[in-house]
Amino acid sequence: MLLLNKKWFLNSMIALALISLLIMGFIAFRRIQTERSYEQLADIKAEQEKNASDVQATDPPDTAIDATEIQYPYIANDNAKWLAINADYFGWLHISGTNIDYPYVRSHDNKDYLTLDLSGNYSDAGTLFMDYRNLGNFNDQHTVIYGHYMKNKTMFHNLTLYHKQEFYEQHPLIELSGLYDTQTYEIFSVYEISADDYAFTLAFEPSESYQNYLDELAQRSLVSTKVKLDPNQKLLTLVTCSYGVGNGRTIVHAIGQ
């Protein structure tokens, strides 16, 4: 009887070890798959930039009509190529000097791209996504973009570095591209808050209520800024997870044209 118990215990331990190895292998595979997906996006972007720089002024004009130009006649060529990959694509977000340089999308809700990459494949890193209530292309008084905090320092990981005054002073600007235009926003407030304790207002009437909203956001900031807040300017908010409070979120607010 004792021998049987020992055999059962050994078999159980071996089975648990095998299950643990399989789980670890699956997690590693997903992480590699996610990293490769965004490496491929970076390669595509780099190739597009290289091709654009290789075109000589003496090249004859291209009279061929691209199918993407027919479908999106007022959209820059690069955006048309991204749209051909995913019709939910809405533009590009870049913060100079950081790891944040990604496309963003908009879906019918704020859930789809938590676990989907730009190509629509499963991804732990997801994709940066605009709040589904936004119109996009700078038509909104307040635009909100969400992204994951990834331990490998990709996606919106670098937003949490804005908790430090020095980092903010070195990277105060956000460049946001839509389908037709690019705007620069200046960061004026950074703070951490529980996801249970905030809700964003996306439209304001009259302008006094918007000015009050901006002033309240500025007062929450962990870093000191000297940005002048004008109710005629538009608000951009970036959101990611952080871990200084329970169910925490790091919020970065910036003001632009």
C-alpha atoms as a PDB file:
ATOM      1  CA  MET A   1       0.000   0.000   0.000  1.00  0.00           C
ATOM      2  CA  LEU A   2       2.837   2.352   0.888  1.00  0.00           C
ATOM      3  CA  LEU A   3       4.546   1.572  -2.422  1.00  0.00           C
ATOM      4  CA  LEU A   4       1.377   2.421  -4.333  1.00  0.00           C
ATOM      5  CA  ASN A   5       1.072   5.748  -2.494  1.00  0.00           C
ATOM      6  CA  LYS A   6       4.678   6.587  -3.382  1.00  0.00           C
ATOM      7  CA  LYS A   7       4.068   5.746  -7.039  1.00  0.00           C
ATOM      8  CA  TRP A   8       0.909   7.858  -7.068  1.00  0.00           C
ATOM      9  CA  PHE A   9       2.770  10.770  -5.472  1.00  0.00           C
ATOM     10  CA  LEU A  10       5.654  10.526  -7.976  1.00  0.00           C
ATOM     11  CA  ASN A  11       3.268  10.295 -10.914  1.00  0.00           C
ATOM     12  CA  SER A  12       1.357  13.319  -9.632  1.00  0.00           C
ATOM     13  CA  MET A  13       4.537  15.348  -9.252  1.00  0.00           C
ATOM     14  CA  ILE A  14       5.682  14.421 -12.774  1.00  0.00           C
ATOM     15  CA  ALA A  15       2.284  15.371 -14.208  1.00  0.00           C
ATOM     16  CA  LEU A  16       2.338  18.743 -12.410  1.00  0.00           C
ATOM     17  CA  ALA A  17       5.843  19.420 -13.670  1.00  0.00           C
ATOM     18  CA  LEU A  18       4.820  18.658 -17.245  1.00  0.00           C
ATOM     19  CA  ILE A  19       1.749  20.893 -16.983  1.00  0.00           C
ATOM     20  CA  SER A  20       3.896  23.723 -15.584  1.00  0.00           C
ATOM     21  CA  LEU A  21       6.363  23.358 -18.463  1.00  0.00           C
ATOM     22  CA  LEU A  22       3.539  23.439 -20.997  1.00  0.00           C
ATOM     23  CA  ILE A  23       2.045  26.584 -19.451  1.00  0.00           C
ATOM     24  CA  MET A  24       5.430  28.326 -19.360  1.00  0.00           C
ATOM     25  CA  GLY A  25       6.060  27.326 -22.954  1.00  0.00           C
ATOM     26  CA  PHE A  26       2.684  28.682 -24.069  1.00  0.00           C
ATOM     27  CA  ILE A  27       3.277  32.027 -22.292  1.00  0.00           C
ATOM     28  CA  ALA A  28       6.731  32.324 -23.849  1.00  0.00           C
ATOM     29  CA  PHE A  29       5.296  31.510 -27.294  1.00  0.00           C
ATOM     30  CA  ARG A  30       2.602  34.206 -26.968  1.00  0.00           C
ATOM     31  CA  ARG A  31       5.178  36.776 -25.822  1.00  0.00           C
ATOM     32  CA  ILE A  32       7.451  36.011 -28.780  1.00  0.00           C
ATOM     33  CA  GLN A  33       4.463  36.122 -31.158  1.00  0.00           C
ATOM     34  CA  THR A  34       3.442  39.553 -29.821  1.00  0.00           C
ATOM     35  CA  GLU A  35       6.967  40.954 -30.088  1.00  0.00           C
ATOM     36  CA  ARG A  36       7.343  39.652 -33.646  1.00  0.00           C
ATOM     37  CA  SER A  37       4.029  41.209 -34.641  1.00  0.00           C
ATOM     38  CA  TYR A  38       5.152  44.681 -33.615  1.00  0.00           C
ATOM     39  CA  GLU A  39       8.627  44.148 -35.025  1.00  0.00           C
ATOM     40  CA  GLN A  40       6.941  43.418 -38.356  1.00  0.00           C
ATOM     41  CA  LEU A  41       4.933  46.642 -38.099  1.00  0.00           C
ATOM     42  CA  ALA A  42       8.133  48.576 -37.387  1.00  0.00           C
ATOM     43  CA  ASP A  43       9.803  46.912 -40.380  1.00  0.00           C
ATOM     44  CA  ILE A  44       6.877  47.853 -42.629  1.00  0.00           C
ATOM     45  CA  LYS A  45       7.045  51.464 -41.472  1.00  0.00           C
ATOM     46  CA  ALA A  46      10.827  51.599 -41.966  1.00  0.00           C
ATOM     47  CA  GLU A  47      10.510  50.111 -45.462  1.00  0.00           C
ATOM     48  CA  GLN A  48       7.858  52.668 -46.390  1.00  0.00           C
ATOM     49  CA  GLU A  49      10.091  55.507 -45.195  1.00  0.00           C
ATOM     50  CA  LYS A  50      13.075  54.060 -47.112  1.00  0.00           C
ATOM     51  CA  ASN A  51      11.056  53.707 -50.291  1.00  0.00           C
ATOM     52  CA  ALA A  52       9.843  57.280 -49.993  1.00  0.00           C
ATOM     53  CA  SER A  53      13.421  58.570 -49.555  1.00  0.00           C
ATOM     54  CA  ASP A  54      14.651  56.537 -52.542  1.00  0.00           C
ATOM     55  CA  VAL A  55      12.309  58.232 -55.006  1.00  0.00           C
ATOM     56  CA  GLN A  56      14.301  60.706 -57.155  1.00  0.00           C
ATOM     57  CA  ALA A  57      12.967  64.035 -58.370  1.00  0.00           C
ATOM     58  CA  THR A  58      13.723  62.947 -61.933  1.00  0.00           C
ATOM     59  CA  ASP A  59      11.550  59.848 -61.709  1.00  0.00           C
ATOM     60  CA  PRO A  60       8.664  59.915 -64.196  1.00  0.00           C
ATOM     61  CA  PRO A  61       5.238  60.462 -62.658  1.00  0.00           C
ATOM     62  CA  ASP A  62       3.330  57.323 -61.765  1.00  0.00           C
ATOM     63  CA  THR A  63       0.082  57.423 -63.700  1.00  0.00           C
ATOM     64  CA  ALA A  64      -1.224  54.142 -62.304  1.00  0.00           C
ATOM     65  CA  ILE A  65      -4.206  54.450 -59.971  1.00  0.00           C
ATOM     66  CA  ASP A  66      -3.819  52.504 -56.736  1.00  0.00           C
ATOM     67  CA  ALA A  67      -6.941  50.700 -55.475  1.00  0.00           C
ATOM     68  CA  THR A  68      -6.396  52.184 -51.995  1.00  0.00           C
ATOM     69  CA  GLU A  69      -6.395  55.698 -53.518  1.00  0.00           C
ATOM     70  CA  ILE A  70      -9.802  54.987 -55.032  1.00  0.00           C
ATOM     71  CA  GLN A  71     -11.160  53.716 -51.746  1.00  0.00           C
ATOM     72  CA  TYR A  72      -9.597  56.508 -49.641  1.00  0.00           C
ATOM     73  CA  PRO A  73      -9.002  59.388 -52.093  1.00  0.00           C
ATOM     74  CA  TYR A  74      -8.093  62.009 -49.467  1.00  0.00           C
ATOM     75  CA  ILE A  75      -5.813  59.831 -47.355  1.00  0.00           C
ATOM     76  CA  ALA A  76      -2.012  59.947 -47.499  1.00  0.00           C
ATOM     77  CA  ASN A  77      -0.429  56.915 -49.162  1.00  0.00           C
ATOM     78  CA  ASP A  78       1.046  55.475 -45.946  1.00  0.00           C
ATOM     79  CA  ASN A  79      -2.299  55.672 -44.176  1.00  0.00           C
ATOM     80  CA  ALA A  80      -3.953  53.968 -47.131  1.00  0.00           C
ATOM     81  CA  LYS A  81      -1.526  51.065 -46.765  1.00  0.00           C
ATOM     82  CA  TRP A  82      -2.294  50.709 -43.051  1.00  0.00           C
ATOM     83  CA  LEU A  83      -6.009  50.878 -43.788  1.00  0.00           C
ATOM     84  CA  ALA A  84      -5.552  48.049 -46.282  1.00  0.00           C
ATOM     85  CA  ILE A  85      -4.244  45.981 -43.355  1.00  0.00           C
ATOM     86  CA  ASN A  86      -7.062  47.009 -41.008  1.00  0.00           C
ATOM     87  CA  ALA A  87     -10.046  49.273 -41.706  1.00  0.00           C
ATOM     88  CA  ASP A  88     -10.133  50.157 -37.980  1.00  0.00           C
ATOM     89  CA  TYR A  89      -6.789  51.974 -38.327  1.00  0.00           C
ATOM     90  CA  PHE A  90      -7.122  55.666 -37.435  1.00  0.00           C
ATOM     91  CA  GLY A  91      -3.591  57.056 -37.283  1.00  0.00           C
ATOM     92  CA  TRP A  92      -0.230  57.010 -35.541  1.00  0.00           C
ATOM     93  CA  LEU A  93       0.932  58.141 -32.091  1.00  0.00           C
ATOM     94  CA  HIS A  94       4.562  59.109 -31.478  1.00  0.00           C
ATOM     95  CA  ILE A  95       6.438  60.531 -28.464  1.00  0.00           C
ATOM     96  CA  SER A  96       9.988  61.468 -29.397  1.00  0.00           C
ATOM     97  CA  GLY A  97      12.710  59.933 -27.223  1.00  0.00           C
ATOM     98  CA  THR A  98      10.437  57.169 -25.874  1.00  0.00           C
ATOM     99  CA  ASN A  99       9.410  53.691 -26.995  1.00  0.00           C
ATOM    100  CA  ILE A 100       5.934  54.978 -27.880  1.00  0.00           C
ATOM    101  CA  ASP A 101       5.645  54.925 -31.682  1.00  0.00           C
ATOM    102  CA  TYR A 102       2.569  52.924 -32.699  1.00  0.00           C
ATOM    103  CA  PRO A 103      -0.565  52.901 -34.820  1.00  0.00           C
ATOM    104  CA  TYR A 104      -3.895  53.289 -33.087  1.00  0.00           C
ATOM    105  CA  VAL A 105      -7.350  52.043 -34.022  1.00  0.00           C
ATOM    106  CA  ARG A 106     -11.011  52.554 -33.151  1.00  0.00           C
ATOM    107  CA  SER A 107     -13.601  49.824 -32.802  1.00  0.00           C
ATOM    108  CA  HIS A 108     -17.273  49.625 -31.841  1.00  0.00           C
ATOM    109  CA  ASP A 109     -16.287  49.178 -28.181  1.00  0.00           C
ATOM    110  CA  ASN A 110     -13.271  49.518 -25.877  1.00  0.00           C
ATOM    111  CA  LYS A 111     -12.632  45.773 -25.614  1.00  0.00           C
ATOM    112  CA  ASP A 112     -11.685  44.331 -29.005  1.00  0.00           C
ATOM    113  CA  TYR A 113      -8.133  45.636 -29.182  1.00  0.00           C
ATOM    114  CA  LEU A 114      -7.209  44.738 -25.644  1.00  0.00           C
ATOM    115  CA  THR A 115      -6.168  41.377 -27.114  1.00  0.00           C
ATOM    116  CA  LEU A 116      -5.873  41.964 -30.880  1.00  0.00           C
ATOM    117  CA  ASP A 117      -2.921  43.306 -32.853  1.00  0.00           C
ATOM    118  CA  LEU A 118      -3.293  45.557 -35.893  1.00  0.00           C
ATOM    119  CA  SER A 119      -3.683  42.537 -38.163  1.00  0.00           C
ATOM    120  CA  GLY A 120      -6.539  41.189 -36.038  1.00  0.00           C
ATOM    121  CA  ASN A 121      -4.507  38.349 -34.487  1.00  0.00           C
ATOM    122  CA  TYR A 122      -4.514  37.498 -30.793  1.00  0.00           C
ATOM    123  CA  SER A 123      -1.909  39.506 -28.896  1.00  0.00           C
ATOM    124  CA  ASP A 124      -1.260  40.020 -25.188  1.00  0.00           C
ATOM    125  CA  ALA A 125      -0.030  43.521 -26.050  1.00  0.00           C
ATOM    126  CA  GLY A 126      -3.167  44.390 -27.999  1.00  0.00           C
ATOM    127  CA  THR A 127      -3.164  47.633 -29.992  1.00  0.00           C
ATOM    128  CA  LEU A 128      -3.433  51.270 -28.972  1.00  0.00           C
ATOM    129  CA  PHE A 129      -7.090  52.194 -29.392  1.00  0.00           C
ATOM    130  CA  MET A 130      -9.130  55.368 -29.351  1.00  0.00           C
ATOM    131  CA  ASP A 131     -12.274  55.540 -27.246  1.00  0.00           C
ATOM    132  CA  TYR A 132     -15.142  54.223 -29.374  1.00  0.00           C
ATOM    133  CA  ARG A 133     -17.152  57.385 -28.625  1.00  0.00           C
ATOM    134  CA  ASN A 134     -14.578  59.574 -30.380  1.00  0.00           C
ATOM    135  CA  LEU A 135     -15.025  60.574 -34.026  1.00  0.00           C
ATOM    136  CA  GLY A 136     -11.276  60.803 -34.645  1.00  0.00           C
ATOM    137  CA  ASN A 137      -9.295  62.940 -37.106  1.00  0.00           C
ATOM    138  CA  PHE A 138      -9.285  65.850 -34.627  1.00  0.00           C
ATOM    139  CA  ASN A 139     -13.041  66.324 -34.702  1.00  0.00           C
ATOM    140  CA  ASP A 140     -13.332  65.754 -30.939  1.00  0.00           C
ATOM    141  CA  GLN A 141     -12.946  68.255 -28.154  1.00  0.00           C
ATOM    142  CA  HIS A 142     -11.460  65.462 -26.035  1.00  0.00           C
ATOM    143  CA  THR A 143      -9.732  62.425 -27.562  1.00  0.00           C
ATOM    144  CA  VAL A 144      -8.865  59.418 -25.359  1.00  0.00           C
ATOM    145  CA  ILE A 145      -6.398  56.683 -26.369  1.00  0.00           C
ATOM    146  CA  TYR A 146      -5.784  53.527 -24.324  1.00  0.00           C
ATOM    147  CA  GLY A 147      -2.864  51.110 -24.346  1.00  0.00           C
ATOM    148  CA  HIS A 148      -1.385  48.288 -22.292  1.00  0.00           C
ATOM    149  CA  TYR A 149       1.519  48.620 -19.877  1.00  0.00           C
ATOM    150  CA  MET A 150       3.899  45.860 -21.031  1.00  0.00           C
ATOM    151  CA  LYS A 151       6.749  44.613 -18.844  1.00  0.00           C
ATOM    152  CA  ASN A 152       9.058  44.478 -21.880  1.00  0.00           C
ATOM    153  CA  LYS A 153       8.674  48.289 -22.067  1.00  0.00           C
ATOM    154  CA  THR A 154       6.562  48.267 -25.230  1.00  0.00           C
ATOM    155  CA  MET A 155       3.169  49.883 -25.890  1.00  0.00           C
ATOM    156  CA  PHE A 156       2.294  52.483 -23.181  1.00  0.00           C
ATOM    157  CA  HIS A 157       4.858  51.286 -20.605  1.00  0.00           C
ATOM    158  CA  ASN A 158       6.810  54.560 -20.897  1.00  0.00           C
ATOM    159  CA  LEU A 159       3.788  56.617 -19.777  1.00  0.00           C
ATOM    160  CA  THR A 160       4.506  55.615 -16.177  1.00  0.00           C
ATOM    161  CA  LEU A 161       7.934  57.291 -16.473  1.00  0.00           C
ATOM    162  CA  TYR A 162       6.087  60.615 -16.594  1.00  0.00           C
ATOM    163  CA  HIS A 163       5.617  60.344 -12.834  1.00  0.00           C
ATOM    164  CA  LYS A 164       9.111  61.867 -12.638  1.00  0.00           C
ATOM    165  CA  GLN A 165       9.604  65.592 -13.276  1.00  0.00           C
ATOM    166  CA  GLU A 166      12.856  65.076 -15.193  1.00  0.00           C
ATOM    167  CA  PHE A 167      11.291  62.637 -17.665  1.00  0.00           C
ATOM    168  CA  TYR A 168       8.378  64.993 -18.268  1.00  0.00           C
ATOM    169  CA  GLU A 169      10.711  67.925 -18.960  1.00  0.00           C
ATOM    170  CA  GLN A 170      12.676  65.828 -21.475  1.00  0.00           C
ATOM    171  CA  HIS A 171       9.575  64.545 -23.321  1.00  0.00           C
ATOM    172  CA  PRO A 172       6.782  67.157 -23.035  1.00  0.00           C
ATOM    173  CA  LEU A 173       5.258  66.737 -26.515  1.00  0.00           C
ATOM    174  CA  ILE A 174       3.006  64.118 -28.134  1.00  0.00           C
ATOM    175  CA  GLU A 175       2.649  63.854 -31.901  1.00  0.00           C
ATOM    176  CA  LEU A 176      -0.679  62.462 -33.036  1.00  0.00           C
ATOM    177  CA  SER A 177      -1.504  61.722 -36.673  1.00  0.00           C
ATOM    178  CA  GLY A 178      -4.988  61.169 -38.010  1.00  0.00           C
ATOM    179  CA  LEU A 179      -5.946  60.088 -41.515  1.00  0.00           C
ATOM    180  CA  TYR A 180      -5.602  63.595 -42.923  1.00  0.00           C
ATOM    181  CA  ASP A 181      -3.461  65.640 -40.549  1.00  0.00           C
ATOM    182  CA  THR A 182      -0.891  65.608 -37.740  1.00  0.00           C
ATOM    183  CA  GLN A 183      -1.109  67.626 -34.523  1.00  0.00           C
ATOM    184  CA  THR A 184       1.307  68.222 -31.643  1.00  0.00           C
ATOM    185  CA  TYR A 185       0.045  68.250 -28.059  1.00  0.00           C
ATOM    186  CA  GLU A 186       1.809  69.567 -24.961  1.00  0.00           C
ATOM    187  CA  ILE A 187       1.533  67.545 -21.743  1.00  0.00           C
ATOM    188  CA  PHE A 188       0.161  69.511 -18.789  1.00  0.00           C
ATOM    189  CA  SER A 189      -0.941  66.865 -16.283  1.00  0.00           C
ATOM    190  CA  VAL A 190       0.182  63.396 -15.190  1.00  0.00           C
ATOM    191  CA  TYR A 191      -1.285  61.422 -12.313  1.00  0.00           C
ATOM    192  CA  GLU A 192      -2.175  57.940 -11.082  1.00  0.00           C
ATOM    193  CA  ILE A 193      -5.689  56.988 -10.054  1.00  0.00           C
ATOM    194  CA  SER A 194      -7.822  53.898  -9.531  1.00  0.00           C
ATOM    195  CA  ALA A 195      -9.910  52.907 -12.544  1.00  0.00           C
ATOM    196  CA  ASP A 196     -12.865  52.922 -10.152  1.00  0.00           C
ATOM    197  CA  ASP A 197     -12.425  56.640  -9.432  1.00  0.00           C
ATOM    198  CA  TYR A 198     -12.471  58.396 -12.792  1.00  0.00           C
ATOM    199  CA  ALA A 199     -14.713  58.963 -15.784  1.00  0.00           C
ATOM    200  CA  PHE A 200     -13.895  61.095 -18.814  1.00  0.00           C
ATOM    201  CA  THR A 201     -16.097  63.791 -20.291  1.00  0.00           C
ATOM    202  CA  LEU A 202     -15.663  63.992 -24.063  1.00  0.00           C
ATOM    203  CA  ALA A 203     -17.792  67.028 -24.968  1.00  0.00           C
ATOM    204  CA  PHE A 204     -18.446  70.303 -23.133  1.00  0.00           C
ATOM    205  CA  GLU A 205     -20.928  73.141 -23.338  1.00  0.00           C
ATOM    206  CA  PRO A 206     -20.432  75.992 -22.574  1.00  0.00           C
ATOM    207  CA  SER A 207     -16.681  76.732 -22.832  1.00  0.00           C
ATOM    208  CA  GLU A 208     -16.500  77.725 -19.152  1.00  0.00           C
ATOM    209  CA  SER A 209     -17.209  74.153 -18.088  1.00  0.00           C
ATOM    210  CA  TYR A 210     -14.388  72.946 -20.350  1.00  0.00           C
ATOM    211  CA  GLN A 211     -11.962  75.476 -18.832  1.00  0.00           C
ATOM    212  CA  ASN A 212     -12.939  74.298 -15.348  1.00  0.00           C
ATOM    213  CA  TYR A 213     -12.379  70.689 -16.414  1.00  0.00           C
ATOM    214  CA  LEU A 214      -8.900  71.506 -17.731  1.00  0.00           C
ATOM    215  CA  ASP A 215      -8.015  73.366 -14.540  1.00  0.00           C
ATOM    216  CA  GLU A 216      -9.131  70.426 -12.396  1.00  0.00           C
ATOM    217  CA  LEU A 217      -6.964  68.024 -14.425  1.00  0.00           C
ATOM    218  CA  ALA A 218      -3.966  70.340 -14.058  1.00  0.00           C
ATOM    219  CA  GLN A 219      -4.399  70.465 -10.288  1.00  0.00           C
ATOM    220  CA  ARG A 220      -4.112  66.673 -10.069  1.00  0.00           C
ATOM    221  CA  SER A 221      -0.709  66.581 -11.727  1.00  0.00           C
ATOM    222  CA  LEU A 222       2.248  64.867 -10.057  1.00  0.00           C
ATOM    223  CA  VAL A 223       4.639  67.006 -12.105  1.00  0.00           C
ATOM    224  CA  SER A 224       4.899  70.761 -12.336  1.00  0.00           C
ATOM    225  CA  THR A 225       4.093  72.307 -15.728  1.00  0.00           C
ATOM    226  CA  LYS A 226       3.724  75.846 -17.052  1.00  0.00           C
ATOM    227  CA  VAL A 227       1.363  75.056 -19.907  1.00  0.00           C
ATOM    228  CA  LYS A 228      -1.327  77.673 -20.531  1.00  0.00           C
ATOM    229  CA  LEU A 229      -4.740  76.071 -20.825  1.00  0.00           C
ATOM    230  CA  ASP A 230      -6.999  77.577 -23.462  1.00  0.00           C
ATOM    231  CA  PRO A 231     -10.619  76.398 -23.899  1.00  0.00           C
ATOM    232  CA  ASN A 232     -10.203  76.894 -27.646  1.00  0.00           C
ATOM    233  CA  GLN A 233      -7.650  74.077 -27.713  1.00  0.00           C
ATOM    234  CA  LYS A 234      -8.373  70.363 -27.795  1.00  0.00           C
ATOM    235  CA  LEU A 235      -7.578  67.776 -25.139  1.00  0.00           C
ATOM    236  CA  LEU A 236      -5.723  64.494 -25.662  1.00  0.00           C
ATOM    237  CA  THR A 237      -5.686  61.869 -22.898  1.00  0.00           C
ATOM    238  CA  LEU A 238      -3.521  58.723 -22.809  1.00  0.00           C
ATOM    239  CA  VAL A 239      -4.349  55.895 -20.386  1.00  0.00           C
ATOM    240  CA  THR A 240      -2.457  52.800 -19.257  1.00  0.00           C
ATOM    241  CA  CYS A 241      -2.337  50.458 -16.261  1.00  0.00           C
ATOM    242  CA  SER A 242       0.010  51.162 -13.363  1.00  0.00           C
ATOM    243  CA  TYR A 243       0.520  49.683  -9.944  1.00  0.00           C
ATOM    244  CA  GLY A 244       0.944  52.438  -7.370  1.00  0.00           C
ATOM    245  CA  VAL A 245      -2.718  52.111  -6.313  1.00  0.00           C
ATOM    246  CA  GLY A 246      -5.259  49.312  -6.499  1.00  0.00           C
ATOM    247  CA  ASN A 247      -6.558  48.804 -10.058  1.00  0.00           C
ATOM    248  CA  GLY A 248      -4.369  51.758 -10.955  1.00  0.00           C
ATOM    249  CA  ARG A 249      -4.184  53.801 -14.131  1.00  0.00           C
ATOM    250  CA  THR A 250      -1.584  56.347 -15.181  1.00  0.00           C
ATOM    251  CA  ILE A 251      -3.279  59.251 -16.961  1.00  0.00           C
ATOM    252  CA  VAL A 252      -1.437  61.719 -19.205  1.00  0.00           C
ATOM    253  CA  HIS A 253      -3.290  64.821 -20.397  1.00  0.00           C
ATOM    254  CA  ALA A 254      -2.033  67.078 -23.190  1.00  0.00           C
ATOM    255  CA  ILE A 255      -3.422  70.169 -24.930  1.00  0.00           C
ATOM    256  CA  GLY A 256      -3.183  71.014 -28.629  1.00  0.00           C
ATOM    257  CA  GLN A 257      -4.706  72.851 -31.576  1.00  0.00           C
END
